[in-house]
PDB file of all heavy atoms in Angstrom:
ATOM      1  N   SER A   1      -5.574 -13.596 -13.360  1.00  0.00           N
ATOM      2  CA  SER A   1      -4.418 -14.519 -13.157  1.00  0.00           C
ATOM      3  C   SER A   1      -4.276 -14.705 -11.636  1.00  0.00           C
ATOM      4  O   SER A   1      -4.716 -13.854 -10.821  1.00  0.00           O
ATOM      5  CB  SER A   1      -3.096 -13.920 -13.706  1.00  0.00           C
ATOM      6  OG  SER A   1      -2.784 -12.663 -13.092  1.00  0.00           O
ATOM      7  N   LEU A   2      -3.674 -15.837 -11.303  1.00  0.00           N
ATOM      8  CA  LEU A   2      -3.524 -16.179  -9.886  1.00  0.00           C
ATOM      9  C   LEU A   2      -2.171 -15.640  -9.372  1.00  0.00           C
ATOM     10  O   LEU A   2      -1.134 -15.944  -9.956  1.00  0.00           O
ATOM     11  CB  LEU A   2      -3.625 -17.701  -9.692  1.00  0.00           C
ATOM     12  CG  LEU A   2      -3.789 -18.190  -8.270  1.00  0.00           C
ATOM     13  CD1 LEU A   2      -5.097 -17.703  -7.653  1.00  0.00           C
ATOM     14  CD2 LEU A   2      -3.714 -19.721  -8.248  1.00  0.00           C
ATOM     15  N   GLY A   3      -2.250 -14.893  -8.293  1.00  0.00           N
ATOM     16  CA  GLY A   3      -1.063 -14.366  -7.635  1.00  0.00           C
ATOM     17  C   GLY A   3      -0.700 -15.089  -6.357  1.00  0.00           C
ATOM     18  O   GLY A   3      -1.262 -16.152  -6.017  1.00  0.00           O
ATOM     19  N   THR A   4       0.208 -14.514  -5.570  1.00  0.00           N
ATOM     20  CA  THR A   4       0.537 -15.106  -4.349  1.00  0.00           C
ATOM     21  C   THR A   4      -0.597 -14.958  -3.320  1.00  0.00           C
ATOM     22  O   THR A   4      -1.268 -13.966  -3.232  1.00  0.00           O
ATOM     23  CB  THR A   4       1.806 -14.376  -3.785  1.00  0.00           C
ATOM     24  OG1 THR A   4       2.826 -14.417  -4.763  1.00  0.00           O
ATOM     25  CG2 THR A   4       2.246 -14.990  -2.469  1.00  0.00           C
ATOM     26  N   GLY A   5      -0.767 -15.970  -2.464  1.00  0.00           N
ATOM     27  CA  GLY A   5      -1.760 -15.935  -1.479  1.00  0.00           C
ATOM     28  C   GLY A   5      -1.587 -14.828  -0.476  1.00  0.00           C
ATOM     29  O   GLY A   5      -0.424 -14.451  -0.168  1.00  0.00           O
ATOM     30  N   GLU A   6      -2.674 -14.226  -0.034  1.00  0.00           N
ATOM     31  CA  GLU A   6      -2.608 -13.048   0.803  1.00  0.00           C
ATOM     32  C   GLU A   6      -2.424 -13.400   2.290  1.00  0.00           C
ATOM     33  O   GLU A   6      -2.361 -12.484   3.150  1.00  0.00           O
ATOM     34  CB  GLU A   6      -3.864 -12.218   0.676  1.00  0.00           C
ATOM     35  CG  GLU A   6      -4.119 -11.669  -0.764  1.00  0.00           C
ATOM     36  CD  GLU A   6      -4.895 -12.613  -1.590  1.00  0.00           C
ATOM     37  OE1 GLU A   6      -5.229 -13.758  -1.133  1.00  0.00           O
ATOM     38  OE2 GLU A   6      -5.223 -12.269  -2.740  1.00  0.00           O
ATOM     39  N   GLY A   7      -2.385 -14.674   2.629  1.00  0.00           N
ATOM     40  CA  GLY A   7      -2.141 -15.066   4.021  1.00  0.00           C
ATOM     41  C   GLY A   7      -3.345 -15.448   4.777  1.00  0.00           C
ATOM     42  O   GLY A   7      -3.267 -16.059   5.840  1.00  0.00           O
ATOM     43  N   GLN A   8      -4.545 -15.142   4.270  1.00  0.00           N
ATOM     44  CA  GLN A   8      -5.771 -15.569   4.897  1.00  0.00           C
ATOM     45  C   GLN A   8      -6.938 -15.560   3.947  1.00  0.00           C
ATOM     46  O   GLN A   8      -6.846 -14.933   2.867  1.00  0.00           O
ATOM     47  CB  GLN A   8      -6.108 -14.665   6.127  1.00  0.00           C
ATOM     48  CG  GLN A   8      -6.394 -13.211   5.817  1.00  0.00           C
ATOM     49  CD  GLN A   8      -6.850 -12.439   7.012  1.00  0.00           C
ATOM     50  OE1 GLN A   8      -7.649 -12.901   7.793  1.00  0.00           O
ATOM     51  NE2 GLN A   8      -6.270 -11.204   7.167  1.00  0.00           N
ATOM     52  N   VAL A   9      -8.038 -16.237   4.312  1.00  0.00           N
ATOM     53  CA  VAL A   9      -9.251 -16.185   3.551  1.00  0.00           C
ATOM     54  C   VAL A   9     -10.426 -16.261   4.482  1.00  0.00           C
ATOM     55  O   VAL A   9     -10.398 -17.037   5.455  1.00  0.00           O
ATOM     56  CB  VAL A   9      -9.273 -17.330   2.488  1.00  0.00           C
ATOM     57  CG1 VAL A   9      -9.310 -18.718   3.185  1.00  0.00           C
ATOM     58  CG2 VAL A   9     -10.470 -17.192   1.555  1.00  0.00           C
ATOM     59  N   ASN A  10     -11.384 -15.428   4.300  1.00  0.00           N
ATOM     60  CA  ASN A  10     -12.600 -15.351   5.158  1.00  0.00           C
ATOM     61  C   ASN A  10     -13.786 -15.995   4.457  1.00  0.00           C
ATOM     62  O   ASN A  10     -14.208 -15.497   3.362  1.00  0.00           O
ATOM     63  CB  ASN A  10     -12.900 -13.935   5.524  1.00  0.00           C
ATOM     64  CG  ASN A  10     -11.738 -13.249   6.247  1.00  0.00           C
ATOM     65  OD1 ASN A  10     -11.086 -13.913   7.092  1.00  0.00           O
ATOM     66  ND2 ASN A  10     -11.459 -12.031   5.957  1.00  0.00           N
ATOM     67  N   LEU A  11     -14.346 -17.057   5.010  1.00  0.00           N
ATOM     68  CA  LEU A  11     -15.389 -17.817   4.375  1.00  0.00           C
ATOM     69  C   LEU A  11     -16.712 -17.759   5.157  1.00  0.00           C
ATOM     70  O   LEU A  11     -16.752 -17.705   6.349  1.00  0.00           O
ATOM     71  CB  LEU A  11     -14.939 -19.308   4.288  1.00  0.00           C
ATOM     72  CG  LEU A  11     -13.582 -19.616   3.664  1.00  0.00           C
ATOM     73  CD1 LEU A  11     -13.331 -21.120   3.768  1.00  0.00           C
ATOM     74  CD2 LEU A  11     -13.543 -19.127   2.199  1.00  0.00           C
ATOM     75  N   VAL A  12     -17.786 -17.770   4.387  1.00  0.00           N
ATOM     76  CA  VAL A  12     -19.143 -18.029   4.969  1.00  0.00           C
ATOM     77  C   VAL A  12     -19.505 -19.377   4.489  1.00  0.00           C
ATOM     78  O   VAL A  12     -19.529 -19.666   3.248  1.00  0.00           O
ATOM     79  CB  VAL A  12     -20.159 -16.987   4.465  1.00  0.00           C
ATOM     80  CG1 VAL A  12     -21.576 -17.311   4.979  1.00  0.00           C
ATOM     81  CG2 VAL A  12     -19.760 -15.582   4.954  1.00  0.00           C
ATOM     82  N   ALA A  13     -19.899 -20.284   5.346  1.00  0.00           N
ATOM     83  CA  ALA A  13     -20.147 -21.661   4.982  1.00  0.00           C
ATOM     84  C   ALA A  13     -21.208 -22.333   5.804  1.00  0.00           C
ATOM     85  O   ALA A  13     -21.547 -21.934   6.931  1.00  0.00           O
ATOM     86  CB  ALA A  13     -18.847 -22.433   5.109  1.00  0.00           C
ATOM     87  N   TRP A  14     -21.810 -23.331   5.217  1.00  0.00           N
ATOM     88  CA  TRP A  14     -22.686 -24.245   6.000  1.00  0.00           C
ATOM     89  C   TRP A  14     -21.828 -25.005   6.976  1.00  0.00           C
ATOM     90  O   TRP A  14     -20.662 -25.348   6.702  1.00  0.00           O
ATOM     91  CB  TRP A  14     -23.413 -25.225   5.069  1.00  0.00           C
ATOM     92  CG  TRP A  14     -24.323 -24.574   4.107  1.00  0.00           C
ATOM     93  CD1 TRP A  14     -24.212 -24.615   2.750  1.00  0.00           C
ATOM     94  CD2 TRP A  14     -25.553 -23.862   4.367  1.00  0.00           C
ATOM     95  NE1 TRP A  14     -25.275 -23.903   2.189  1.00  0.00           N
ATOM     96  CE2 TRP A  14     -26.117 -23.501   3.217  1.00  0.00           C
ATOM     97  CE3 TRP A  14     -26.236 -23.567   5.589  1.00  0.00           C
ATOM     98  CZ2 TRP A  14     -27.261 -22.726   3.100  1.00  0.00           C
ATOM     99  CZ3 TRP A  14     -27.385 -22.853   5.563  1.00  0.00           C
ATOM    100  CH2 TRP A  14     -27.943 -22.442   4.284  1.00  0.00           C
ATOM    101  N   ALA A  15     -22.366 -25.319   8.137  1.00  0.00           N
ATOM    102  CA  ALA A  15     -21.660 -26.103   9.116  1.00  0.00           C
ATOM    103  C   ALA A  15     -21.270 -27.470   8.502  1.00  0.00           C
ATOM    104  O   ALA A  15     -22.088 -28.090   7.779  1.00  0.00           O
ATOM    105  CB  ALA A  15     -22.538 -26.381  10.357  1.00  0.00           C
ATOM    106  N   GLY A  16     -20.084 -27.881   8.734  1.00  0.00           N
ATOM    107  CA  GLY A  16     -19.595 -29.130   8.155  1.00  0.00           C
ATOM    108  C   GLY A  16     -18.844 -29.055   6.880  1.00  0.00           C
ATOM    109  O   GLY A  16     -18.270 -30.026   6.391  1.00  0.00           O
ATOM    110  N   TYR A  17     -18.885 -27.837   6.241  1.00  0.00           N
ATOM    111  CA  TYR A  17     -18.208 -27.694   4.955  1.00  0.00           C
ATOM    112  C   TYR A  17     -16.749 -27.249   5.150  1.00  0.00           C
ATOM    113  O   TYR A  17     -15.917 -27.441   4.198  1.00  0.00           O
ATOM    114  CB  TYR A  17     -18.910 -26.632   4.148  1.00  0.00           C
ATOM    115  CG  TYR A  17     -20.030 -27.170   3.314  1.00  0.00           C
ATOM    116  CD1 TYR A  17     -20.569 -28.472   3.464  1.00  0.00           C
ATOM    117  CD2 TYR A  17     -20.646 -26.386   2.280  1.00  0.00           C
ATOM    118  CE1 TYR A  17     -21.587 -28.941   2.706  1.00  0.00           C
ATOM    119  CE2 TYR A  17     -21.646 -26.878   1.491  1.00  0.00           C
ATOM    120  CZ  TYR A  17     -22.148 -28.131   1.700  1.00  0.00           C
ATOM    121  OH  TYR A  17     -23.176 -28.601   0.955  1.00  0.00           O
ATOM    122  N   VAL A  18     -16.407 -26.725   6.301  1.00  0.00           N
ATOM    123  CA  VAL A  18     -14.997 -26.183   6.525  1.00  0.00           C
ATOM    124  C   VAL A  18     -14.536 -26.765   7.843  1.00  0.00           C
ATOM    125  O   VAL A  18     -14.573 -26.029   8.880  1.00  0.00           O
ATOM    126  CB  VAL A  18     -14.961 -24.637   6.488  1.00  0.00           C
ATOM    127  CG1 VAL A  18     -13.508 -24.140   6.560  1.00  0.00           C
ATOM    128  CG2 VAL A  18     -15.613 -24.086   5.201  1.00  0.00           C
ATOM    129  N   GLU A  19     -14.063 -27.992   7.904  1.00  0.00           N
ATOM    130  CA  GLU A  19     -13.698 -28.616   9.127  1.00  0.00           C
ATOM    131  C   GLU A  19     -12.172 -28.613   9.324  1.00  0.00           C
ATOM    132  O   GLU A  19     -11.409 -29.028   8.413  1.00  0.00           O
ATOM    133  CB  GLU A  19     -14.201 -30.034   9.153  1.00  0.00           C
ATOM    134  CG  GLU A  19     -15.755 -30.165   9.254  1.00  0.00           C
ATOM    135  CD  GLU A  19     -16.291 -29.599  10.587  1.00  0.00           C
ATOM    136  OE1 GLU A  19     -15.704 -29.937  11.625  1.00  0.00           O
ATOM    137  OE2 GLU A  19     -17.252 -28.812  10.514  1.00  0.00           O
ATOM    138  N   ASP A  20     -11.752 -28.205  10.515  1.00  0.00           N
ATOM    139  CA  ASP A  20     -10.309 -28.048  10.789  1.00  0.00           C
ATOM    140  C   ASP A  20      -9.844 -28.991  11.936  1.00  0.00           C
ATOM    141  O   ASP A  20      -8.765 -28.765  12.455  1.00  0.00           O
ATOM    142  CB  ASP A  20      -9.975 -26.610  11.131  1.00  0.00           C
ATOM    143  CG  ASP A  20     -10.672 -26.098  12.404  1.00  0.00           C
ATOM    144  OD1 ASP A  20     -11.451 -26.901  13.030  1.00  0.00           O
ATOM    145  OD2 ASP A  20     -10.521 -24.925  12.707  1.00  0.00           O
ATOM    146  N   GLY A  21     -10.713 -29.966  12.300  1.00  0.00           N
ATOM    147  CA  GLY A  21     -10.344 -30.860  13.344  1.00  0.00           C
ATOM    148  C   GLY A  21     -10.773 -30.448  14.742  1.00  0.00           C
ATOM    149  O   GLY A  21     -10.713 -31.232  15.686  1.00  0.00           O
ATOM    150  N   SER A  22     -11.359 -29.301  14.843  1.00  0.00           N
ATOM    151  CA  SER A  22     -11.798 -28.779  16.180  1.00  0.00           C
ATOM    152  C   SER A  22     -13.100 -29.465  16.626  1.00  0.00           C
ATOM    153  O   SER A  22     -13.297 -29.680  17.865  1.00  0.00           O
ATOM    154  CB  SER A  22     -11.952 -27.257  16.189  1.00  0.00           C
ATOM    155  OG  SER A  22     -12.870 -26.870  15.210  1.00  0.00           O
ATOM    156  N   ASN A  23     -13.964 -29.864  15.717  1.00  0.00           N
ATOM    157  CA  ASN A  23     -15.125 -30.612  16.028  1.00  0.00           C
ATOM    158  C   ASN A  23     -14.881 -32.119  16.211  1.00  0.00           C
ATOM    159  O   ASN A  23     -15.437 -32.784  17.070  1.00  0.00           O
ATOM    160  CB  ASN A  23     -16.229 -30.407  14.993  1.00  0.00           C
ATOM    161  CG  ASN A  23     -16.820 -29.029  15.051  1.00  0.00           C
ATOM    162  OD1 ASN A  23     -16.962 -28.428  16.117  1.00  0.00           O
ATOM    163  ND2 ASN A  23     -17.128 -28.485  13.874  1.00  0.00           N
ATOM    164  N   ASP A  24     -13.993 -32.603  15.399  1.00  0.00           N
ATOM    165  CA  ASP A  24     -13.577 -33.998  15.426  1.00  0.00           C
ATOM    166  C   ASP A  24     -12.127 -34.105  14.921  1.00  0.00           C
ATOM    167  O   ASP A  24     -11.938 -33.736  13.741  1.00  0.00           O
ATOM    168  CB  ASP A  24     -14.456 -34.855  14.575  1.00  0.00           C
ATOM    169  CG  ASP A  24     -14.162 -36.342  14.559  1.00  0.00           C
ATOM    170  OD1 ASP A  24     -13.048 -36.734  14.976  1.00  0.00           O
ATOM    171  OD2 ASP A  24     -15.050 -37.164  14.252  1.00  0.00           O
ATOM    172  N   PRO A  25     -11.175 -34.528  15.753  1.00  0.00           N
ATOM    173  CA  PRO A  25      -9.797 -34.504  15.346  1.00  0.00           C
ATOM    174  C   PRO A  25      -9.541 -35.338  13.990  1.00  0.00           C
ATOM    175  O   PRO A  25      -8.557 -35.066  13.282  1.00  0.00           O
ATOM    176  CB  PRO A  25      -9.052 -35.201  16.479  1.00  0.00           C
ATOM    177  CG  PRO A  25      -9.932 -34.965  17.612  1.00  0.00           C
ATOM    178  CD  PRO A  25     -11.361 -34.971  17.112  1.00  0.00           C
ATOM    179  N   LYS A  26     -10.450 -36.268  13.725  1.00  0.00           N
ATOM    180  CA  LYS A  26     -10.260 -37.078  12.526  1.00  0.00           C
ATOM    181  C   LYS A  26     -10.840 -36.366  11.263  1.00  0.00           C
ATOM    182  O   LYS A  26     -10.661 -36.882  10.124  1.00  0.00           O
ATOM    183  CB  LYS A  26     -10.990 -38.407  12.728  1.00  0.00           C
ATOM    184  CG  LYS A  26     -10.490 -39.247  13.919  1.00  0.00           C
ATOM    185  CD  LYS A  26     -11.361 -40.502  14.044  1.00  0.00           C
ATOM    186  CE  LYS A  26     -10.941 -41.301  15.304  1.00  0.00           C
ATOM    187  NZ  LYS A  26     -11.828 -42.421  15.521  1.00  0.00           N
ATOM    188  N   VAL A  27     -11.471 -35.264  11.473  1.00  0.00           N
ATOM    189  CA  VAL A  27     -12.186 -34.586  10.329  1.00  0.00           C
ATOM    190  C   VAL A  27     -11.481 -33.226  10.096  1.00  0.00           C
ATOM    191  O   VAL A  27     -11.707 -32.278  10.833  1.00  0.00           O
ATOM    192  CB  VAL A  27     -13.656 -34.435  10.633  1.00  0.00           C
ATOM    193  CG1 VAL A  27     -14.272 -33.747   9.471  1.00  0.00           C
ATOM    194  CG2 VAL A  27     -14.322 -35.778  10.936  1.00  0.00           C
ATOM    195  N   ASP A  28     -10.587 -33.167   9.162  1.00  0.00           N
ATOM    196  CA  ASP A  28      -9.787 -31.945   8.948  1.00  0.00           C
ATOM    197  C   ASP A  28      -9.247 -31.882   7.552  1.00  0.00           C
ATOM    198  O   ASP A  28      -8.332 -32.611   7.136  1.00  0.00           O
ATOM    199  CB  ASP A  28      -8.627 -31.947   9.947  1.00  0.00           C
ATOM    200  CG  ASP A  28      -7.817 -30.672   9.885  1.00  0.00           C
ATOM    201  OD1 ASP A  28      -8.066 -29.810   9.053  1.00  0.00           O
ATOM    202  OD2 ASP A  28      -6.805 -30.567  10.619  1.00  0.00           O
ATOM    203  N   TRP A  29      -9.876 -31.058   6.739  1.00  0.00           N
ATOM    204  CA  TRP A  29      -9.336 -30.785   5.398  1.00  0.00           C
ATOM    205  C   TRP A  29      -8.843 -29.301   5.268  1.00  0.00           C
ATOM    206  O   TRP A  29      -8.461 -28.888   4.215  1.00  0.00           O
ATOM    207  CB  TRP A  29     -10.311 -31.129   4.321  1.00  0.00           C
ATOM    208  CG  TRP A  29     -11.712 -30.591   4.484  1.00  0.00           C
ATOM    209  CD1 TRP A  29     -12.156 -29.381   4.073  1.00  0.00           C
ATOM    210  CD2 TRP A  29     -12.801 -31.247   5.103  1.00  0.00           C
ATOM    211  NE1 TRP A  29     -13.505 -29.204   4.464  1.00  0.00           N
ATOM    212  CE2 TRP A  29     -13.889 -30.360   5.100  1.00  0.00           C
ATOM    213  CE3 TRP A  29     -12.969 -32.535   5.721  1.00  0.00           C
ATOM    214  CZ2 TRP A  29     -15.146 -30.662   5.661  1.00  0.00           C
ATOM    215  CZ3 TRP A  29     -14.227 -32.806   6.256  1.00  0.00           C
ATOM    216  CH2 TRP A  29     -15.286 -31.906   6.215  1.00  0.00           C
ATOM    217  N   VAL A  30      -8.934 -28.600   6.385  1.00  0.00           N
ATOM    218  CA  VAL A  30      -8.474 -27.233   6.434  1.00  0.00           C
ATOM    219  C   VAL A  30      -6.979 -27.151   6.688  1.00  0.00           C
ATOM    220  O   VAL A  30      -6.278 -26.377   5.985  1.00  0.00           O
ATOM    221  CB  VAL A  30      -9.314 -26.405   7.464  1.00  0.00           C
ATOM    222  CG1 VAL A  30      -8.667 -25.049   7.714  1.00  0.00           C
ATOM    223  CG2 VAL A  30     -10.714 -26.212   7.022  1.00  0.00           C
TER     224      VAL A  30
END
């Protein structure tokens, strides 16, 4: 079952899969 979020998540990803706007301000789904 899904509980309350723990406040953070640590990901291993290919470049370009986890964009937070730091590479391009227009590209941010984080």
